[in-house]
């Protein structure tokens, strides 16, 4: 299967006062479409920086990020915003659901922004993740695991090519963590969505198609 993402010699250096801090050092790897890839490393290892660079939320110091045959380091902000909306989904440690909207309304939000009709697909995702009964509930009444499954459905509503997940199970107990890992693996397999997840939880490796260690700015 063809590579959907190629990272080539990626380096990120932050300047702080008179110091330079190298967060990522000459990182290279490629990802096939429809695979669940996990990056495991401790806090401060460069995990979130890696995702932010792929999502074009931060600028690279050097190197390239080839996504669907385009170098994301060289596109303008308008195209970057369009790519994030239509081609990328995001799941974070905190679900970021809007409390004043129902679960269904939260899930539909990215589709509304993209001017897409997606209610049928939203209902499919609700059923897929076992939360159909929560469609008209408001986020404050949900458990942590239920919120993250709703956040996953929201991330998938525009049928993104790639989903980026930053410590999505950081606030969950072991049982709910395992369920989210299973959801990611199943989504990659059944929906063909490429998923990149960064975490410090070594158990995620049991569900991944490929697992990398990230530490000291290096990916191995």
C-alpha atoms as a PDB file:
ATOM      1  CA  UNK A   1       0.000   0.000   0.000  1.00  0.00           C
ATOM      2  CA  UNK A   2       1.232   3.516  -0.822  1.00  0.00           C
ATOM      3  CA  UNK A   3       2.635   5.854   1.796  1.00  0.00           C
ATOM      4  CA  UNK A   4       0.206   8.607   2.769  1.00  0.00           C
ATOM      5  CA  UNK A   5       2.779  10.448   4.889  1.00  0.00           C
ATOM      6  CA  UNK A   6       6.550  10.792   4.626  1.00  0.00           C
ATOM      7  CA  UNK A   7       8.611  12.652   7.201  1.00  0.00           C
ATOM      8  CA  UNK A   8      12.088  13.490   5.947  1.00  0.00           C
ATOM      9  CA  UNK A   9      14.933  14.816   8.119  1.00  0.00           C
ATOM     10  CA  UNK A  10      12.539  16.753  10.328  1.00  0.00           C
ATOM     11  CA  UNK A  11      14.184  19.026  12.884  1.00  0.00           C
ATOM     12  CA  UNK A  12      12.581  21.500  15.289  1.00  0.00           C
ATOM     13  CA  UNK A  13      14.645  23.943  17.334  1.00  0.00           C
ATOM     14  CA  UNK A  14      13.128  26.460  19.736  1.00  0.00           C
ATOM     15  CA  UNK A  15      15.057  29.574  20.668  1.00  0.00           C
ATOM     16  CA  UNK A  16      14.754  30.576  24.311  1.00  0.00           C
ATOM     17  CA  UNK A  17      16.699  33.668  25.378  1.00  0.00           C
ATOM     18  CA  UNK A  18      20.280  32.868  24.380  1.00  0.00           C
ATOM     19  CA  UNK A  19      19.682  29.118  24.209  1.00  0.00           C
ATOM     20  CA  UNK A  20      18.551  26.778  21.465  1.00  0.00           C
ATOM     21  CA  UNK A  21      16.504  23.730  22.428  1.00  0.00           C
ATOM     22  CA  UNK A  22      16.392  20.946  19.860  1.00  0.00           C
ATOM     23  CA  UNK A  23      13.070  19.145  20.375  1.00  0.00           C
ATOM     24  CA  UNK A  24      13.208  16.943  17.263  1.00  0.00           C
ATOM     25  CA  UNK A  25      16.465  15.872  15.627  1.00  0.00           C
ATOM     26  CA  UNK A  26      16.595  14.731  11.998  1.00  0.00           C
ATOM     27  CA  UNK A  27      13.463  12.564  12.239  1.00  0.00           C
ATOM     28  CA  UNK A  28      12.503  10.403   9.246  1.00  0.00           C
ATOM     29  CA  UNK A  29       9.755   7.794   8.828  1.00  0.00           C
ATOM     30  CA  UNK A  30       6.908   6.921   6.481  1.00  0.00           C
ATOM     31  CA  UNK A  31       3.340   5.801   7.101  1.00  0.00           C
ATOM     32  CA  UNK A  32       1.125   3.627   4.909  1.00  0.00           C
ATOM     33  CA  UNK A  33      -2.504   4.549   4.404  1.00  0.00           C
ATOM     34  CA  UNK A  34      -4.959   2.913   6.800  1.00  0.00           C
ATOM     35  CA  UNK A  35      -2.417   2.046   9.495  1.00  0.00           C
ATOM     36  CA  UNK A  36      -2.537   2.705  13.239  1.00  0.00           C
ATOM     37  CA  UNK A  37       0.870   4.061  14.248  1.00  0.00           C
ATOM     38  CA  UNK A  38       1.852   4.685  17.861  1.00  0.00           C
ATOM     39  CA  UNK A  39       4.711   6.833  19.171  1.00  0.00           C
ATOM     40  CA  UNK A  40       5.601   6.040  22.783  1.00  0.00           C
ATOM     41  CA  UNK A  41       7.745   8.325  24.895  1.00  0.00           C
ATOM     42  CA  UNK A  42       7.938  10.253  28.160  1.00  0.00           C
ATOM     43  CA  UNK A  43       6.874  13.853  28.746  1.00  0.00           C
ATOM     44  CA  UNK A  44       9.148  16.319  26.966  1.00  0.00           C
ATOM     45  CA  UNK A  45      10.264  13.791  24.349  1.00  0.00           C
ATOM     46  CA  UNK A  46       8.897  15.756  21.393  1.00  0.00           C
ATOM     47  CA  UNK A  47       5.652  13.798  20.919  1.00  0.00           C
ATOM     48  CA  UNK A  48       3.254  16.745  20.835  1.00  0.00           C
ATOM     49  CA  UNK A  49       5.692  18.833  18.797  1.00  0.00           C
ATOM     50  CA  UNK A  50       5.729  16.096  16.144  1.00  0.00           C
ATOM     51  CA  UNK A  51       1.933  16.148  15.840  1.00  0.00           C
ATOM     52  CA  UNK A  52       1.832  19.953  15.827  1.00  0.00           C
ATOM     53  CA  UNK A  53       4.278  20.067  12.934  1.00  0.00           C
ATOM     54  CA  UNK A  54       2.278  17.536  10.917  1.00  0.00           C
ATOM     55  CA  UNK A  55      -0.895  19.527  11.664  1.00  0.00           C
ATOM     56  CA  UNK A  56       0.869  22.745  10.559  1.00  0.00           C
ATOM     57  CA  UNK A  57       0.199  24.317  13.960  1.00  0.00           C
ATOM     58  CA  UNK A  58       3.923  24.999  14.274  1.00  0.00           C
ATOM     59  CA  UNK A  59       6.737  25.650  11.788  1.00  0.00           C
ATOM     60  CA  UNK A  60       9.571  23.231  11.112  1.00  0.00           C
ATOM     61  CA  UNK A  61      13.187  24.345  11.463  1.00  0.00           C
ATOM     62  CA  UNK A  62      14.231  22.041   8.613  1.00  0.00           C
ATOM     63  CA  UNK A  63      13.068  18.934   6.818  1.00  0.00           C
ATOM     64  CA  UNK A  64       9.874  18.086   4.953  1.00  0.00           C
ATOM     65  CA  UNK A  65       6.426  16.623   5.664  1.00  0.00           C
ATOM     66  CA  UNK A  66       4.985  15.029   2.532  1.00  0.00           C
ATOM     67  CA  UNK A  67       1.246  14.384   2.892  1.00  0.00           C
ATOM     68  CA  UNK A  68      -0.737  13.225  -0.151  1.00  0.00           C
ATOM     69  CA  UNK A  69       2.214  14.240  -2.350  1.00  0.00           C
ATOM     70  CA  UNK A  70       2.326  17.810  -0.993  1.00  0.00           C
ATOM     71  CA  UNK A  71       5.049  19.231   1.254  1.00  0.00           C
ATOM     72  CA  UNK A  72       3.093  20.700   4.163  1.00  0.00           C
ATOM     73  CA  UNK A  73       6.037  22.874   5.165  1.00  0.00           C
ATOM     74  CA  UNK A  74       5.602  24.896   1.968  1.00  0.00           C
ATOM     75  CA  UNK A  75       1.857  25.554   1.721  1.00  0.00           C
ATOM     76  CA  UNK A  76       0.142  28.809   2.679  1.00  0.00           C
ATOM     77  CA  UNK A  77      -2.109  29.248   5.721  1.00  0.00           C
ATOM     78  CA  UNK A  78      -5.349  29.125   3.728  1.00  0.00           C
ATOM     79  CA  UNK A  79      -4.517  25.727   2.261  1.00  0.00           C
ATOM     80  CA  UNK A  80      -3.208  24.597   5.658  1.00  0.00           C
ATOM     81  CA  UNK A  81      -6.536  25.482   7.292  1.00  0.00           C
ATOM     82  CA  UNK A  82      -8.477  23.704   4.542  1.00  0.00           C
ATOM     83  CA  UNK A  83      -6.261  20.619   4.899  1.00  0.00           C
ATOM     84  CA  UNK A  84      -6.789  20.532   8.677  1.00  0.00           C
ATOM     85  CA  UNK A  85     -10.551  20.790   8.263  1.00  0.00           C
ATOM     86  CA  UNK A  86     -11.084  18.295   5.456  1.00  0.00           C
ATOM     87  CA  UNK A  87      -8.118  15.902   5.570  1.00  0.00           C
ATOM     88  CA  UNK A  88      -7.217  15.755   9.263  1.00  0.00           C
ATOM     89  CA  UNK A  89      -9.036  14.763  12.438  1.00  0.00           C
ATOM     90  CA  UNK A  90      -7.860  15.531  15.971  1.00  0.00           C
ATOM     91  CA  UNK A  91      -8.314  13.837  19.344  1.00  0.00           C
ATOM     92  CA  UNK A  92      -6.675  15.312  22.436  1.00  0.00           C
ATOM     93  CA  UNK A  93      -6.145  14.319  26.064  1.00  0.00           C
ATOM     94  CA  UNK A  94      -9.062  16.558  26.991  1.00  0.00           C
ATOM     95  CA  UNK A  95     -12.141  15.855  24.886  1.00  0.00           C
ATOM     96  CA  UNK A  96     -12.823  19.565  24.129  1.00  0.00           C
ATOM     97  CA  UNK A  97     -16.539  18.875  23.662  1.00  0.00           C
ATOM     98  CA  UNK A  98     -18.687  21.988  23.929  1.00  0.00           C
ATOM     99  CA  UNK A  99     -20.869  21.557  27.053  1.00  0.00           C
ATOM    100  CA  UNK A 100     -23.812  23.585  25.767  1.00  0.00           C
ATOM    101  CA  UNK A 101     -24.307  21.324  22.735  1.00  0.00           C
ATOM    102  CA  UNK A 102     -25.537  17.716  22.644  1.00  0.00           C
ATOM    103  CA  UNK A 103     -23.213  14.850  21.756  1.00  0.00           C
ATOM    104  CA  UNK A 104     -24.724  14.668  18.258  1.00  0.00           C
ATOM    105  CA  UNK A 105     -24.329  18.425  17.759  1.00  0.00           C
ATOM    106  CA  UNK A 106     -20.706  18.250  18.920  1.00  0.00           C
ATOM    107  CA  UNK A 107     -19.967  15.442  16.485  1.00  0.00           C
ATOM    108  CA  UNK A 108     -21.548  17.369  13.600  1.00  0.00           C
ATOM    109  CA  UNK A 109     -19.654  20.612  14.306  1.00  0.00           C
ATOM    110  CA  UNK A 110     -16.707  20.057  11.900  1.00  0.00           C
ATOM    111  CA  UNK A 111     -19.133  19.006   9.143  1.00  0.00           C
ATOM    112  CA  UNK A 112     -21.186  22.171   9.647  1.00  0.00           C
ATOM    113  CA  UNK A 113     -18.015  24.273   9.390  1.00  0.00           C
ATOM    114  CA  UNK A 114     -17.128  22.422   6.171  1.00  0.00           C
ATOM    115  CA  UNK A 115     -20.690  22.946   4.858  1.00  0.00           C
ATOM    116  CA  UNK A 116     -21.286  19.198   4.664  1.00  0.00           C
ATOM    117  CA  UNK A 117     -24.441  17.230   5.379  1.00  0.00           C
ATOM    118  CA  UNK A 118     -23.337  14.409   7.643  1.00  0.00           C
ATOM    119  CA  UNK A 119     -26.190  13.493   9.993  1.00  0.00           C
ATOM    120  CA  UNK A 120     -26.491   9.956   8.616  1.00  0.00           C
ATOM    121  CA  UNK A 121     -22.750   9.383   9.011  1.00  0.00           C
ATOM    122  CA  UNK A 122     -22.837  10.880  12.510  1.00  0.00           C
ATOM    123  CA  UNK A 123     -25.506   8.365  13.511  1.00  0.00           C
ATOM    124  CA  UNK A 124     -23.386   5.584  12.010  1.00  0.00           C
ATOM    125  CA  UNK A 125     -20.397   6.700  14.097  1.00  0.00           C
ATOM    126  CA  UNK A 126     -22.525   6.917  17.244  1.00  0.00           C
ATOM    127  CA  UNK A 127     -23.601   3.328  16.686  1.00  0.00           C
ATOM    128  CA  UNK A 128     -20.095   2.186  15.749  1.00  0.00           C
ATOM    129  CA  UNK A 129     -18.686   3.453  19.041  1.00  0.00           C
ATOM    130  CA  UNK A 130     -21.630   2.250  21.139  1.00  0.00           C
ATOM    131  CA  UNK A 131     -22.873   5.685  22.166  1.00  0.00           C
ATOM    132  CA  UNK A 132     -26.116   6.017  20.170  1.00  0.00           C
ATOM    133  CA  UNK A 133     -28.061   6.286  23.429  1.00  0.00           C
ATOM    134  CA  UNK A 134     -26.056   9.401  24.296  1.00  0.00           C
ATOM    135  CA  UNK A 135     -26.825  11.376  21.105  1.00  0.00           C
ATOM    136  CA  UNK A 136     -29.090  13.878  22.858  1.00  0.00           C
ATOM    137  CA  UNK A 137     -27.157  14.019  26.125  1.00  0.00           C
ATOM    138  CA  UNK A 138     -24.884  16.903  27.064  1.00  0.00           C
ATOM    139  CA  UNK A 139     -21.142  16.282  27.655  1.00  0.00           C
ATOM    140  CA  UNK A 140     -21.118  17.071  31.423  1.00  0.00           C
ATOM    141  CA  UNK A 141     -23.337  14.015  32.022  1.00  0.00           C
ATOM    142  CA  UNK A 142     -20.941  11.608  30.235  1.00  0.00           C
ATOM    143  CA  UNK A 143     -18.123   9.499  31.666  1.00  0.00           C
ATOM    144  CA  UNK A 144     -14.526  10.125  30.556  1.00  0.00           C
ATOM    145  CA  UNK A 145     -14.566   7.154  28.216  1.00  0.00           C
ATOM    146  CA  UNK A 146     -17.872   8.191  26.659  1.00  0.00           C
ATOM    147  CA  UNK A 147     -16.554  11.704  26.077  1.00  0.00           C
ATOM    148  CA  UNK A 148     -13.460  10.398  24.295  1.00  0.00           C
ATOM    149  CA  UNK A 149     -15.547   8.139  22.058  1.00  0.00           C
ATOM    150  CA  UNK A 150     -17.702  11.134  21.172  1.00  0.00           C
ATOM    151  CA  UNK A 151     -14.514  13.123  20.484  1.00  0.00           C
ATOM    152  CA  UNK A 152     -13.305  10.306  18.218  1.00  0.00           C
ATOM    153  CA  UNK A 153     -16.596  10.350  16.304  1.00  0.00           C
ATOM    154  CA  UNK A 154     -16.280  14.137  15.917  1.00  0.00           C
ATOM    155  CA  UNK A 155     -12.719  13.725  14.611  1.00  0.00           C
ATOM    156  CA  UNK A 156     -13.968  11.287  11.952  1.00  0.00           C
ATOM    157  CA  UNK A 157     -17.100  13.153  10.815  1.00  0.00           C
ATOM    158  CA  UNK A 158     -15.435  14.712   7.736  1.00  0.00           C
ATOM    159  CA  UNK A 159     -13.895  11.329   6.812  1.00  0.00           C
ATOM    160  CA  UNK A 160     -10.304  12.591   7.215  1.00  0.00           C
ATOM    161  CA  UNK A 161      -7.369  10.878   5.560  1.00  0.00           C
ATOM    162  CA  UNK A 162      -5.353  11.062   8.763  1.00  0.00           C
ATOM    163  CA  UNK A 163      -6.232  11.328  12.444  1.00  0.00           C
ATOM    164  CA  UNK A 164      -3.778  12.778  14.968  1.00  0.00           C
ATOM    165  CA  UNK A 165      -4.249  11.762  18.606  1.00  0.00           C
ATOM    166  CA  UNK A 166      -2.287  13.419  21.420  1.00  0.00           C
ATOM    167  CA  UNK A 167      -2.372  11.408  24.679  1.00  0.00           C
ATOM    168  CA  UNK A 168      -6.078  10.593  24.132  1.00  0.00           C
ATOM    169  CA  UNK A 169      -6.216   8.167  27.067  1.00  0.00           C
ATOM    170  CA  UNK A 170      -4.230  10.253  29.553  1.00  0.00           C
ATOM    171  CA  UNK A 171      -7.241  10.805  31.821  1.00  0.00           C
ATOM    172  CA  UNK A 172      -8.829   7.355  31.547  1.00  0.00           C
ATOM    173  CA  UNK A 173      -8.647   4.222  33.681  1.00  0.00           C
ATOM    174  CA  UNK A 174      -7.132   1.007  32.304  1.00  0.00           C
ATOM    175  CA  UNK A 175     -10.363  -0.503  31.003  1.00  0.00           C
ATOM    176  CA  UNK A 176     -11.406   2.648  29.158  1.00  0.00           C
ATOM    177  CA  UNK A 177      -7.885   3.103  27.787  1.00  0.00           C
ATOM    178  CA  UNK A 178      -7.986  -0.371  26.247  1.00  0.00           C
ATOM    179  CA  UNK A 179     -11.340   0.399  24.647  1.00  0.00           C
ATOM    180  CA  UNK A 180     -10.020   3.571  23.008  1.00  0.00           C
ATOM    181  CA  UNK A 181      -6.964   1.681  21.692  1.00  0.00           C
ATOM    182  CA  UNK A 182      -9.318  -0.935  20.225  1.00  0.00           C
ATOM    183  CA  UNK A 183     -11.459   1.813  18.688  1.00  0.00           C
ATOM    184  CA  UNK A 184      -8.415   3.327  16.978  1.00  0.00           C
ATOM    185  CA  UNK A 185      -7.215  -0.031  15.631  1.00  0.00           C
ATOM    186  CA  UNK A 186     -10.696  -0.880  14.361  1.00  0.00           C
ATOM    187  CA  UNK A 187     -11.154   2.551  12.771  1.00  0.00           C
ATOM    188  CA  UNK A 188      -7.866   2.287  10.875  1.00  0.00           C
ATOM    189  CA  UNK A 189      -8.813  -1.158   9.605  1.00  0.00           C
ATOM    190  CA  UNK A 190     -12.482  -0.570   8.765  1.00  0.00           C
ATOM    191  CA  UNK A 191     -12.533   3.097   7.723  1.00  0.00           C
ATOM    192  CA  UNK A 192      -9.092   3.186   6.097  1.00  0.00           C
ATOM    193  CA  UNK A 193      -8.146   6.173   8.250  1.00  0.00           C
ATOM    194  CA  UNK A 194      -4.449   6.568   8.979  1.00  0.00           C
ATOM    195  CA  UNK A 195      -4.023   7.169  12.718  1.00  0.00           C
ATOM    196  CA  UNK A 196      -0.965   8.619  14.450  1.00  0.00           C
ATOM    197  CA  UNK A 197      -1.157   8.513  18.224  1.00  0.00           C
ATOM    198  CA  UNK A 198       1.421   9.772  20.703  1.00  0.00           C
ATOM    199  CA  UNK A 199       1.316   8.424  24.244  1.00  0.00           C
ATOM    200  CA  UNK A 200       3.404   7.422  27.239  1.00  0.00           C
ATOM    201  CA  UNK A 201       1.303   4.258  27.673  1.00  0.00           C
ATOM    202  CA  UNK A 202       3.282   1.214  26.507  1.00  0.00           C
ATOM    203  CA  UNK A 203       0.086  -0.909  26.309  1.00  0.00           C
ATOM    204  CA  UNK A 204      -0.917   0.990  23.162  1.00  0.00           C
ATOM    205  CA  UNK A 205       1.766  -0.972  21.293  1.00  0.00           C
ATOM    206  CA  UNK A 206      -0.382  -4.109  21.587  1.00  0.00           C
ATOM    207  CA  UNK A 207      -2.976  -2.575  19.252  1.00  0.00           C
ATOM    208  CA  UNK A 208      -0.765  -0.721  16.761  1.00  0.00           C
ATOM    209  CA  UNK A 209       0.282  -1.777  13.270  1.00  0.00           C
ATOM    210  CA  UNK A 210       3.643  -0.174  14.027  1.00  0.00           C
ATOM    211  CA  UNK A 211       5.171   1.337  17.133  1.00  0.00           C
ATOM    212  CA  UNK A 212       7.996   3.867  17.396  1.00  0.00           C
ATOM    213  CA  UNK A 213       9.937   4.967  20.452  1.00  0.00           C
ATOM    214  CA  UNK A 214      10.360   8.722  20.720  1.00  0.00           C
ATOM    215  CA  UNK A 215      12.849  10.085  23.216  1.00  0.00           C
ATOM    216  CA  UNK A 216      15.354  12.919  23.272  1.00  0.00           C
ATOM    217  CA  UNK A 217      14.003  14.209  19.972  1.00  0.00           C
ATOM    218  CA  UNK A 218      14.778  10.958  18.147  1.00  0.00           C
ATOM    219  CA  UNK A 219      12.269   8.532  16.637  1.00  0.00           C
ATOM    220  CA  UNK A 220      13.347   4.904  16.460  1.00  0.00           C
END
